[in-house]
Amino acid sequence: DFDRERGLFSIPSRVGPQRALTIARLFHLATLLC
């Protein structure tokens, strides 16, 4: 909420918490593959 109010950029503030969690899971899957 704060990032949206201040115009700051983050994945959760741009796509919403639920989609952000999905992206985080994909990043961590990429971690394991690496």
Full PDB file with SEQRES, HELIX, SHEET, SSBOND, CRYST1, ORIGX, SCALE, CONECT and MASTER records, all heavy atoms in Angstrom:
SEQRES   1 A   34  ASP PHE ASP ARG GLU ARG GLY LEU PHE SER ILE PRO SER          
SEQRES   2 A   34  ARG VAL GLY PRO GLN ARG ALA LEU THR ILE ALA ARG LEU          
SEQRES   3 A   34  PHE HIS LEU ALA THR LEU LEU CYS                              
HELIX    1 AA1 PHE A    2  ARG A    6  1                                   5    
HELIX    2 AA2 ILE A   11  VAL A   15  1                                   5    
HELIX    3 AA3 PRO A   17  LEU A   33  1                                  17    
CRYST1    1.000    1.000    1.000  90.00  90.00  90.00 P 1           1          
ORIGX1      1.000000  0.000000  0.000000        0.00000                         
ORIGX2      0.000000  1.000000  0.000000        0.00000                         
ORIGX3      0.000000  0.000000  1.000000        0.00000                         
SCALE1      1.000000  0.000000  0.000000        0.00000                         
SCALE2      0.000000  1.000000  0.000000        0.00000                         
SCALE3      0.000000  0.000000  1.000000        0.00000                         
ATOM      1  N   ASP A   1       0.826  -1.216   0.000  1.00  0.00           N  
ATOM      2  CA  ASP A   1       0.000   0.000   0.000  1.00  0.00           C  
ATOM      3  C   ASP A   1       0.854   1.258   0.000  1.00  0.00           C  
ATOM      4  O   ASP A   1       0.571   2.221  -0.736  1.00  0.00           O  
ATOM      5  CB  ASP A   1      -0.944   0.002   1.212  1.00  0.00           C  
ATOM      6  CG  ASP A   1      -1.993  -1.093   1.125  1.00  0.00           C  
ATOM      7  OD1 ASP A   1      -2.289  -1.535  -0.004  1.00  0.00           O  
ATOM      8  OD2 ASP A   1      -2.497  -1.524   2.183  1.00  0.00           O  
ATOM      9  N   PHE A   2       1.894   1.269   0.814  1.00  0.00           N  
ATOM     10  CA  PHE A   2       2.770   2.440   0.887  1.00  0.00           C  
ATOM     11  C   PHE A   2       3.463   2.687  -0.455  1.00  0.00           C  
ATOM     12  O   PHE A   2       3.541   3.843  -0.927  1.00  0.00           O  
ATOM     13  CB  PHE A   2       3.810   2.261   1.987  1.00  0.00           C  
ATOM     14  CG  PHE A   2       4.787   3.399   2.084  1.00  0.00           C  
ATOM     15  CD1 PHE A   2       4.438   4.570   2.728  1.00  0.00           C  
ATOM     16  CD2 PHE A   2       6.055   3.298   1.507  1.00  0.00           C  
ATOM     17  CE1 PHE A   2       5.342   5.636   2.809  1.00  0.00           C  
ATOM     18  CE2 PHE A   2       6.961   4.351   1.584  1.00  0.00           C  
ATOM     19  CZ  PHE A   2       6.596   5.523   2.236  1.00  0.00           C  
ATOM     20  N   ASP A   3       3.977   1.625  -1.083  1.00  0.00           N  
ATOM     21  CA  ASP A   3       4.664   1.783  -2.371  1.00  0.00           C  
ATOM     22  C   ASP A   3       3.721   2.352  -3.425  1.00  0.00           C  
ATOM     23  O   ASP A   3       4.121   3.200  -4.239  1.00  0.00           O  
ATOM     24  CB  ASP A   3       5.224   0.436  -2.833  1.00  0.00           C  
ATOM     25  CG  ASP A   3       6.431  -0.004  -2.010  1.00  0.00           C  
ATOM     26  OD1 ASP A   3       6.969   0.829  -1.254  1.00  0.00           O  
ATOM     27  OD2 ASP A   3       6.828  -1.176  -2.119  1.00  0.00           O  
ATOM     28  N   ARG A   4       2.471   1.893  -3.420  1.00  0.00           N  
ATOM     29  CA  ARG A   4       1.506   2.409  -4.392  1.00  0.00           C  
ATOM     30  C   ARG A   4       1.208   3.887  -4.146  1.00  0.00           C  
ATOM     31  O   ARG A   4       1.116   4.673  -5.097  1.00  0.00           O  
ATOM     32  CB  ARG A   4       0.232   1.582  -4.321  1.00  0.00           C  
ATOM     33  CG  ARG A   4       0.367   0.196  -4.954  1.00  0.00           C  
ATOM     34  CD  ARG A   4      -0.857  -0.665  -4.696  1.00  0.00           C  
ATOM     35  NE  ARG A   4      -0.774  -1.943  -5.413  1.00  0.00           N  
ATOM     36  CZ  ARG A   4      -1.576  -2.977  -5.201  1.00  0.00           C  
ATOM     37  NH1 ARG A   4      -2.548  -2.875  -4.279  1.00  0.00           N  
ATOM     38  NH2 ARG A   4      -1.440  -4.085  -5.891  1.00  0.00           N  
ATOM     39  N   GLU A   5       1.077   4.256  -2.899  1.00  0.00           N  
ATOM     40  CA  GLU A   5       0.788   5.655  -2.565  1.00  0.00           C  
ATOM     41  C   GLU A   5       1.934   6.580  -2.956  1.00  0.00           C  
ATOM     42  O   GLU A   5       1.709   7.702  -3.415  1.00  0.00           O  
ATOM     43  CB  GLU A   5       0.513   5.779  -1.064  1.00  0.00           C  
ATOM     44  CG  GLU A   5      -0.798   5.138  -0.611  1.00  0.00           C  
ATOM     45  CD  GLU A   5      -0.919   5.106   0.896  1.00  0.00           C  
ATOM     46  OE1 GLU A   5      -0.018   5.662   1.573  1.00  0.00           O  
ATOM     47  OE2 GLU A   5      -1.891   4.519   1.413  1.00  0.00           O  
ATOM     48  N   ARG A   6       3.173   6.103  -2.791  1.00  0.00           N  
ATOM     49  CA  ARG A   6       4.350   6.939  -3.056  1.00  0.00           C  
ATOM     50  C   ARG A   6       4.861   6.813  -4.486  1.00  0.00           C  
ATOM     51  O   ARG A   6       5.831   7.490  -4.862  1.00  0.00           O  
ATOM     52  CB  ARG A   6       5.472   6.555  -2.086  1.00  0.00           C  
ATOM     53  CG  ARG A   6       5.128   6.726  -0.613  1.00  0.00           C  
ATOM     54  CD  ARG A   6       5.173   8.162  -0.170  1.00  0.00           C  
ATOM     55  NE  ARG A   6       6.498   8.737  -0.251  1.00  0.00           N  
ATOM     56  CZ  ARG A   6       6.864   9.874   0.325  1.00  0.00           C  
ATOM     57  NH1 ARG A   6       5.977  10.554   1.031  1.00  0.00           N  
ATOM     58  NH2 ARG A   6       8.083  10.347   0.197  1.00  0.00           N  
ATOM     59  N   GLY A   7       4.240   5.935  -5.273  1.00  0.00           N  
ATOM     60  CA  GLY A   7       4.690   5.750  -6.647  1.00  0.00           C  
ATOM     61  C   GLY A   7       6.000   5.002  -6.745  1.00  0.00           C  
ATOM     62  O   GLY A   7       6.755   5.162  -7.725  1.00  0.00           O  
ATOM     63  N   LEU A   8       6.296   4.159  -5.759  1.00  0.00           N  
ATOM     64  CA  LEU A   8       7.509   3.350  -5.778  1.00  0.00           C  
ATOM     65  C   LEU A   8       7.230   2.031  -6.499  1.00  0.00           C  
ATOM     66  O   LEU A   8       6.110   1.532  -6.512  1.00  0.00           O  
ATOM     67  CB  LEU A   8       7.992   3.079  -4.352  1.00  0.00           C  
ATOM     68  CG  LEU A   8       8.392   4.315  -3.550  1.00  0.00           C  
ATOM     69  CD1 LEU A   8       8.682   3.953  -2.106  1.00  0.00           C  
ATOM     70  CD2 LEU A   8       9.611   5.007  -4.175  1.00  0.00           C  
ATOM     71  N   PHE A   9       8.273   1.473  -7.071  1.00  0.00           N  
ATOM     72  CA  PHE A   9       8.119   0.284  -7.893  1.00  0.00           C  
ATOM     73  C   PHE A   9       8.540  -0.978  -7.126  1.00  0.00           C  
ATOM     74  O   PHE A   9       9.631  -1.036  -6.559  1.00  0.00           O  
ATOM     75  CB  PHE A   9       8.974   0.393  -9.159  1.00  0.00           C  
ATOM     76  CG  PHE A   9       8.486   1.427 -10.133  1.00  0.00           C  
ATOM     77  CD1 PHE A   9       8.778   2.769  -9.936  1.00  0.00           C  
ATOM     78  CD2 PHE A   9       7.731   1.066 -11.239  1.00  0.00           C  
ATOM     79  CE1 PHE A   9       8.336   3.732 -10.838  1.00  0.00           C  
ATOM     80  CE2 PHE A   9       7.284   2.020 -12.139  1.00  0.00           C  
ATOM     81  CZ  PHE A   9       7.584   3.348 -11.939  1.00  0.00           C  
ATOM     82  N   SER A  10       7.672  -1.956  -7.137  1.00  0.00           N  
ATOM     83  CA  SER A  10       7.999  -3.293  -6.651  1.00  0.00           C  
ATOM     84  C   SER A  10       7.066  -4.249  -7.357  1.00  0.00           C  
ATOM     85  O   SER A  10       6.002  -3.837  -7.862  1.00  0.00           O  
ATOM     86  CB  SER A  10       7.835  -3.410  -5.134  1.00  0.00           C  
ATOM     87  OG  SER A  10       6.460  -3.423  -4.772  1.00  0.00           O  
ATOM     88  N   ILE A  11       7.421  -5.492  -7.421  1.00  0.00           N  
ATOM     89  CA  ILE A  11       6.546  -6.466  -8.085  1.00  0.00           C  
ATOM     90  C   ILE A  11       5.207  -6.599  -7.349  1.00  0.00           C  
ATOM     91  O   ILE A  11       4.152  -6.574  -7.989  1.00  0.00           O  
ATOM     92  CB  ILE A  11       7.272  -7.816  -8.237  1.00  0.00           C  
ATOM     93  CG1 ILE A  11       8.322  -7.690  -9.350  1.00  0.00           C  
ATOM     94  CG2 ILE A  11       6.285  -8.945  -8.556  1.00  0.00           C  
ATOM     95  CD1 ILE A  11       9.155  -8.919  -9.579  1.00  0.00           C  
ATOM     96  N   PRO A  12       5.187  -6.701  -6.003  1.00  0.00           N  
ATOM     97  CA  PRO A  12       3.885  -6.775  -5.331  1.00  0.00           C  
ATOM     98  C   PRO A  12       2.998  -5.557  -5.570  1.00  0.00           C  
ATOM     99  O   PRO A  12       1.784  -5.697  -5.730  1.00  0.00           O  
ATOM    100  CB  PRO A  12       4.269  -6.903  -3.850  1.00  0.00           C  
ATOM    101  CG  PRO A  12       5.599  -7.550  -3.871  1.00  0.00           C  
ATOM    102  CD  PRO A  12       6.290  -6.957  -5.059  1.00  0.00           C  
ATOM    103  N   SER A  13       3.592  -4.360  -5.598  1.00  0.00           N  
ATOM    104  CA  SER A  13       2.761  -3.167  -5.801  1.00  0.00           C  
ATOM    105  C   SER A  13       2.253  -3.056  -7.232  1.00  0.00           C  
ATOM    106  O   SER A  13       1.257  -2.384  -7.494  1.00  0.00           O  
ATOM    107  CB  SER A  13       3.554  -1.909  -5.434  1.00  0.00           C  
ATOM    108  OG  SER A  13       4.599  -1.670  -6.358  1.00  0.00           O  
ATOM    109  N   ARG A  14       2.941  -3.714  -8.169  1.00  0.00           N  
ATOM    110  CA  ARG A  14       2.542  -3.638  -9.571  1.00  0.00           C  
ATOM    111  C   ARG A  14       1.546  -4.725  -9.958  1.00  0.00           C  
ATOM    112  O   ARG A  14       0.614  -4.476 -10.719  1.00  0.00           O  
ATOM    113  CB  ARG A  14       3.784  -3.743 -10.477  1.00  0.00           C  
ATOM    114  CG  ARG A  14       4.627  -2.479 -10.450  1.00  0.00           C  
ATOM    115  CD  ARG A  14       3.855  -1.311 -11.046  1.00  0.00           C  
ATOM    116  NE  ARG A  14       4.507  -0.032 -10.733  1.00  0.00           N  
ATOM    117  CZ  ARG A  14       4.039   1.144 -11.079  1.00  0.00           C  
ATOM    118  NH1 ARG A  14       2.904   1.222 -11.731  1.00  0.00           N  
ATOM    119  NH2 ARG A  14       4.670   2.238 -10.773  1.00  0.00           N  
ATOM    120  N   VAL A  15       1.751  -5.951  -9.487  1.00  0.00           N  
ATOM    121  CA  VAL A  15       0.898  -7.062  -9.941  1.00  0.00           C  
ATOM    122  C   VAL A  15      -0.005  -7.596  -8.843  1.00  0.00           C  
ATOM    123  O   VAL A  15      -0.838  -8.469  -9.100  1.00  0.00           O  
ATOM    124  CB  VAL A  15       1.764  -8.208 -10.515  1.00  0.00           C  
ATOM    125  CG1 VAL A  15       2.637  -7.704 -11.645  1.00  0.00           C  
ATOM    126  CG2 VAL A  15       2.606  -8.876  -9.433  1.00  0.00           C  
ATOM    127  N   GLY A  16       0.170  -7.101  -7.611  1.00  0.00           N  
ATOM    128  CA  GLY A  16      -0.640  -7.585  -6.503  1.00  0.00           C  
ATOM    129  C   GLY A  16       0.066  -8.680  -5.730  1.00  0.00           C  
ATOM    130  O   GLY A  16       0.920  -9.389  -6.282  1.00  0.00           O  
ATOM    131  N   PRO A  17      -0.268  -8.840  -4.453  1.00  0.00           N  
ATOM    132  CA  PRO A  17       0.417  -9.812  -3.601  1.00  0.00           C  
ATOM    133  C   PRO A  17       0.342 -11.257  -4.101  1.00  0.00           C  
ATOM    134  O   PRO A  17       1.338 -11.986  -4.041  1.00  0.00           O  
ATOM    135  CB  PRO A  17      -0.297  -9.653  -2.254  1.00  0.00           C  
ATOM    136  CG  PRO A  17      -0.816  -8.255  -2.266  1.00  0.00           C  
ATOM    137  CD  PRO A  17      -1.206  -8.003  -3.693  1.00  0.00           C  
ATOM    138  N   GLN A  18      -0.827 -11.692  -4.572  1.00  0.00           N  
ATOM    139  CA  GLN A  18      -0.969 -13.096  -4.969  1.00  0.00           C  
ATOM    140  C   GLN A  18      -0.093 -13.432  -6.177  1.00  0.00           C  
ATOM    141  O   GLN A  18       0.628 -14.441  -6.182  1.00  0.00           O  
ATOM    142  CB  GLN A  18      -2.435 -13.409  -5.283  1.00  0.00           C  
ATOM    143  CG  GLN A  18      -2.715 -14.915  -5.411  1.00  0.00           C  
ATOM    144  CD  GLN A  18      -2.378 -15.674  -4.148  1.00  0.00           C  
ATOM    145  OE1 GLN A  18      -2.889 -15.398  -3.066  1.00  0.00           O  
ATOM    146  NE2 GLN A  18      -1.468 -16.632  -4.257  1.00  0.00           N  
ATOM    147  N   ARG A  19      -0.106 -12.585  -7.186  1.00  0.00           N  
ATOM    148  CA  ARG A  19       0.744 -12.822  -8.352  1.00  0.00           C  
ATOM    149  C   ARG A  19       2.216 -12.674  -7.995  1.00  0.00           C  
ATOM    150  O   ARG A  19       3.078 -13.382  -8.541  1.00  0.00           O  
ATOM    151  CB  ARG A  19       0.374 -11.864  -9.472  1.00  0.00           C  
ATOM    152  CG  ARG A  19      -0.977 -12.167 -10.130  1.00  0.00           C  
ATOM    153  CD  ARG A  19      -1.282 -11.182 -11.238  1.00  0.00           C  
ATOM    154  NE  ARG A  19      -2.567 -11.472 -11.891  1.00  0.00           N  
ATOM    155  CZ  ARG A  19      -3.117 -10.729 -12.830  1.00  0.00           C  
ATOM    156  NH1 ARG A  19      -2.487  -9.615 -13.240  1.00  0.00           N  
ATOM    157  NH2 ARG A  19      -4.275 -11.054 -13.360  1.00  0.00           N  
ATOM    158  N   ALA A  20       2.509 -11.758  -7.086  1.00  0.00           N  
ATOM    159  CA  ALA A  20       3.893 -11.578  -6.644  1.00  0.00           C  
ATOM    160  C   ALA A  20       4.415 -12.844  -5.972  1.00  0.00           C  
ATOM    161  O   ALA A  20       5.576 -13.240  -6.172  1.00  0.00           O  
ATOM    162  CB  ALA A  20       3.988 -10.397  -5.686  1.00  0.00           C  
ATOM    163  N   LEU A  21       3.570 -13.488  -5.172  1.00  0.00           N  
ATOM    164  CA  LEU A  21       3.969 -14.750  -4.543  1.00  0.00           C  
ATOM    165  C   LEU A  21       4.267 -15.817  -5.584  1.00  0.00           C  
ATOM    166  O   LEU A  21       5.211 -16.601  -5.434  1.00  0.00           O  
ATOM    167  CB  LEU A  21       2.866 -15.229  -3.598  1.00  0.00           C  
ATOM    168  CG  LEU A  21       2.851 -14.605  -2.204  1.00  0.00           C  
ATOM    169  CD1 LEU A  21       1.602 -15.036  -1.442  1.00  0.00           C  
ATOM    170  CD2 LEU A  21       4.103 -14.998  -1.427  1.00  0.00           C  
ATOM    171  N   THR A  22       3.477 -15.851  -6.643  1.00  0.00           N  
ATOM    172  CA  THR A  22       3.721 -16.808  -7.718  1.00  0.00           C  
ATOM    173  C   THR A  22       5.070 -16.543  -8.383  1.00  0.00           C  
ATOM    174  O   THR A  22       5.839 -17.465  -8.669  1.00  0.00           O  
ATOM    175  CB  THR A  22       2.602 -16.728  -8.770  1.00  0.00           C  
ATOM    176  OG1 THR A  22       1.356 -17.033  -8.145  1.00  0.00           O  
ATOM    177  CG2 THR A  22       2.850 -17.706  -9.905  1.00  0.00           C  
ATOM    178  N   ILE A  23       5.368 -15.263  -8.622  1.00  0.00           N  
ATOM    179  CA  ILE A  23       6.654 -14.898  -9.227  1.00  0.00           C  
ATOM    180  C   ILE A  23       7.802 -15.269  -8.296  1.00  0.00           C  
ATOM    181  O   ILE A  23       8.841 -15.787  -8.742  1.00  0.00           O  
ATOM    182  CB  ILE A  23       6.683 -13.396  -9.561  1.00  0.00           C  
ATOM    183  CG1 ILE A  23       5.663 -13.088 -10.663  1.00  0.00           C  
ATOM    184  CG2 ILE A  23       8.085 -12.950  -9.987  1.00  0.00           C  
ATOM    185  CD1 ILE A  23       5.468 -11.612 -10.928  1.00  0.00           C  
ATOM    186  N   ALA A  24       7.645 -15.037  -6.996  1.00  0.00           N  
ATOM    187  CA  ALA A  24       8.676 -15.411  -6.027  1.00  0.00           C  
ATOM    188  C   ALA A  24       8.922 -16.916  -6.053  1.00  0.00           C  
ATOM    189  O   ALA A  24      10.069 -17.379  -5.967  1.00  0.00           O  
ATOM    190  CB  ALA A  24       8.268 -14.963  -4.628  1.00  0.00           C  
ATOM    191  N   ARG A  25       7.851 -17.688  -6.164  1.00  0.00           N  
ATOM    192  CA  ARG A  25       7.999 -19.151  -6.232  1.00  0.00           C  
ATOM    193  C   ARG A  25       8.755 -19.556  -7.496  1.00  0.00           C  
ATOM    194  O   ARG A  25       9.606 -20.455  -7.469  1.00  0.00           O  
ATOM    195  CB  ARG A  25       6.625 -19.810  -6.192  1.00  0.00           C  
ATOM    196  CG  ARG A  25       5.937 -19.695  -4.843  1.00  0.00           C  
ATOM    197  CD  ARG A  25       4.544 -20.265  -4.872  1.00  0.00           C  
ATOM    198  NE  ARG A  25       3.856 -20.015  -3.599  1.00  0.00           N  
ATOM    199  CZ  ARG A  25       2.634 -19.532  -3.493  1.00  0.00           C  
ATOM    200  NH1 ARG A  25       1.930 -19.236  -4.592  1.00  0.00           N  
ATOM    201  NH2 ARG A  25       2.082 -19.340  -2.306  1.00  0.00           N  
ATOM    202  N   LEU A  26       8.455 -18.885  -8.609  1.00  0.00           N  
ATOM    203  CA  LEU A  26       9.163 -19.184  -9.857  1.00  0.00           C  
ATOM    204  C   LEU A  26      10.638 -18.820  -9.741  1.00  0.00           C  
ATOM    205  O   LEU A  26      11.509 -19.554 -10.237  1.00  0.00           O  
ATOM    206  CB  LEU A  26       8.516 -18.425 -11.017  1.00  0.00           C  
ATOM    207  CG  LEU A  26       7.113 -18.900 -11.429  1.00  0.00           C  
ATOM    208  CD1 LEU A  26       6.527 -17.976 -12.491  1.00  0.00           C  
ATOM    209  CD2 LEU A  26       7.161 -20.335 -11.938  1.00  0.00           C  
ATOM    210  N   PHE A  27      10.931 -17.699  -9.093  1.00  0.00           N  
ATOM    211  CA  PHE A  27      12.330 -17.316  -8.881  1.00  0.00           C  
ATOM    212  C   PHE A  27      13.053 -18.361  -8.033  1.00  0.00           C  
ATOM    213  O   PHE A  27      14.205 -18.706  -8.300  1.00  0.00           O  
ATOM    214  CB  PHE A  27      12.410 -15.946  -8.200  1.00  0.00           C  
ATOM    215  CG  PHE A  27      12.210 -14.776  -9.136  1.00  0.00           C  
ATOM    216  CD1 PHE A  27      12.096 -13.485  -8.633  1.00  0.00           C  
ATOM    217  CD2 PHE A  27      12.144 -14.960 -10.506  1.00  0.00           C  
ATOM    218  CE1 PHE A  27      11.911 -12.405  -9.481  1.00  0.00           C  
ATOM    219  CE2 PHE A  27      11.957 -13.878 -11.367  1.00  0.00           C  
ATOM    220  CZ  PHE A  27      11.848 -12.605 -10.851  1.00  0.00           C  
ATOM    221  N   HIS A  28      12.384 -18.862  -7.024  1.00  0.00           N  
ATOM    222  CA  HIS A  28      13.027 -19.853  -6.159  1.00  0.00           C  
ATOM    223  C   HIS A  28      13.138 -21.209  -6.843  1.00  0.00           C  
ATOM    224  O   HIS A  28      14.067 -21.977  -6.564  1.00  0.00           O  
ATOM    225  CB  HIS A  28      12.291 -19.939  -4.825  1.00  0.00           C  
ATOM    226  CG  HIS A  28      12.629 -18.810  -3.913  1.00  0.00           C  
ATOM    227  ND1 HIS A  28      11.841 -18.415  -2.850  1.00  0.00           N  
ATOM    228  CD2 HIS A  28      13.697 -17.951  -3.910  1.00  0.00           C  
ATOM    229  CE1 HIS A  28      12.408 -17.392  -2.242  1.00  0.00           C  
ATOM    230  NE2 HIS A  28      13.525 -17.084  -2.865  1.00  0.00           N  
ATOM    231  N   LEU A  29      12.225 -21.502  -7.749  1.00  0.00           N  
ATOM    232  CA  LEU A  29      12.390 -22.693  -8.583  1.00  0.00           C  
ATOM    233  C   LEU A  29      13.615 -22.531  -9.477  1.00  0.00           C  
ATOM    234  O   LEU A  29      14.409 -23.476  -9.654  1.00  0.00           O  
ATOM    235  CB  LEU A  29      11.138 -22.920  -9.429  1.00  0.00           C  
ATOM    236  CG  LEU A  29      11.182 -24.101 -10.410  1.00  0.00           C  
ATOM    237  CD1 LEU A  29      11.410 -25.412  -9.670  1.00  0.00           C  
ATOM    238  CD2 LEU A  29       9.901 -24.163 -11.246  1.00  0.00           C  
ATOM    239  N   ALA A  30      13.791 -21.337 -10.029  1.00  0.00           N  
ATOM    240  CA  ALA A  30      14.978 -21.056 -10.844  1.00  0.00           C  
ATOM    241  C   ALA A  30      16.246 -21.185 -10.009  1.00  0.00           C  
ATOM    242  O   ALA A  30      17.289 -21.657 -10.502  1.00  0.00           O  
ATOM    243  CB  ALA A  30      14.883 -19.653 -11.450  1.00  0.00           C  
ATOM    244  N   THR A  31      16.169 -20.793  -8.736  1.00  0.00           N  
ATOM    245  CA  THR A  31      17.309 -20.947  -7.830  1.00  0.00           C  
ATOM    246  C   THR A  31      17.734 -22.407  -7.746  1.00  0.00           C  
ATOM    247  O   THR A  31      18.928 -22.739  -7.860  1.00  0.00           O  
ATOM    248  CB  THR A  31      16.933 -20.448  -6.417  1.00  0.00           C  
ATOM    249  OG1 THR A  31      16.597 -19.074  -6.479  1.00  0.00           O  
ATOM    250  CG2 THR A  31      18.090 -20.648  -5.441  1.00  0.00           C  
ATOM    251  N   LEU A  32      16.767 -23.278  -7.543  1.00  0.00           N  
ATOM    252  CA  LEU A  32      17.067 -24.707  -7.421  1.00  0.00           C  
ATOM    253  C   LEU A  32      17.642 -25.270  -8.722  1.00  0.00           C  
ATOM    254  O   LEU A  32      18.590 -26.064  -8.698  1.00  0.00           O  
ATOM    255  CB  LEU A  32      15.818 -25.470  -7.007  1.00  0.00           C  
ATOM    256  CG  LEU A  32      15.276 -25.120  -5.619  1.00  0.00           C  
ATOM    257  CD1 LEU A  32      13.935 -25.802  -5.375  1.00  0.00           C  
ATOM    258  CD2 LEU A  32      16.270 -25.513  -4.538  1.00  0.00           C  
ATOM    259  N   LEU A  33      17.100 -24.850  -9.855  1.00  0.00           N  
ATOM    260  CA  LEU A  33      17.619 -25.309 -11.141  1.00  0.00           C  
ATOM    261  C   LEU A  33      19.070 -24.850 -11.336  1.00  0.00           C  
ATOM    262  O   LEU A  33      19.903 -25.600 -11.860  1.00  0.00           O  
ATOM    263  CB  LEU A  33      16.740 -24.790 -12.280  1.00  0.00           C  
ATOM    264  CG  LEU A  33      15.320 -25.369 -12.341  1.00  0.00           C  
ATOM    265  CD1 LEU A  33      14.513 -24.685 -13.451  1.00  0.00           C  
ATOM    266  CD2 LEU A  33      15.344 -26.876 -12.548  1.00  0.00           C  
ATOM    267  N   CYS A  34      19.362 -23.646 -10.903  1.00  0.00           N  
ATOM    268  CA  CYS A  34      20.735 -23.127 -11.002  1.00  0.00           C  
ATOM    269  C   CYS A  34      21.682 -23.893 -10.070  1.00  0.00           C  
ATOM    270  O   CYS A  34      22.833 -24.174 -10.434  1.00  0.00           O  
ATOM    271  CB  CYS A  34      20.772 -21.642 -10.677  1.00  0.00           C  
ATOM    272  SG  CYS A  34      20.000 -20.584 -11.924  1.00  0.00           S  
TER     273      CYS A  34                                                      
MASTER        0    0    0    3    0    0    0    6  272    1    0    3          
END                                                                             
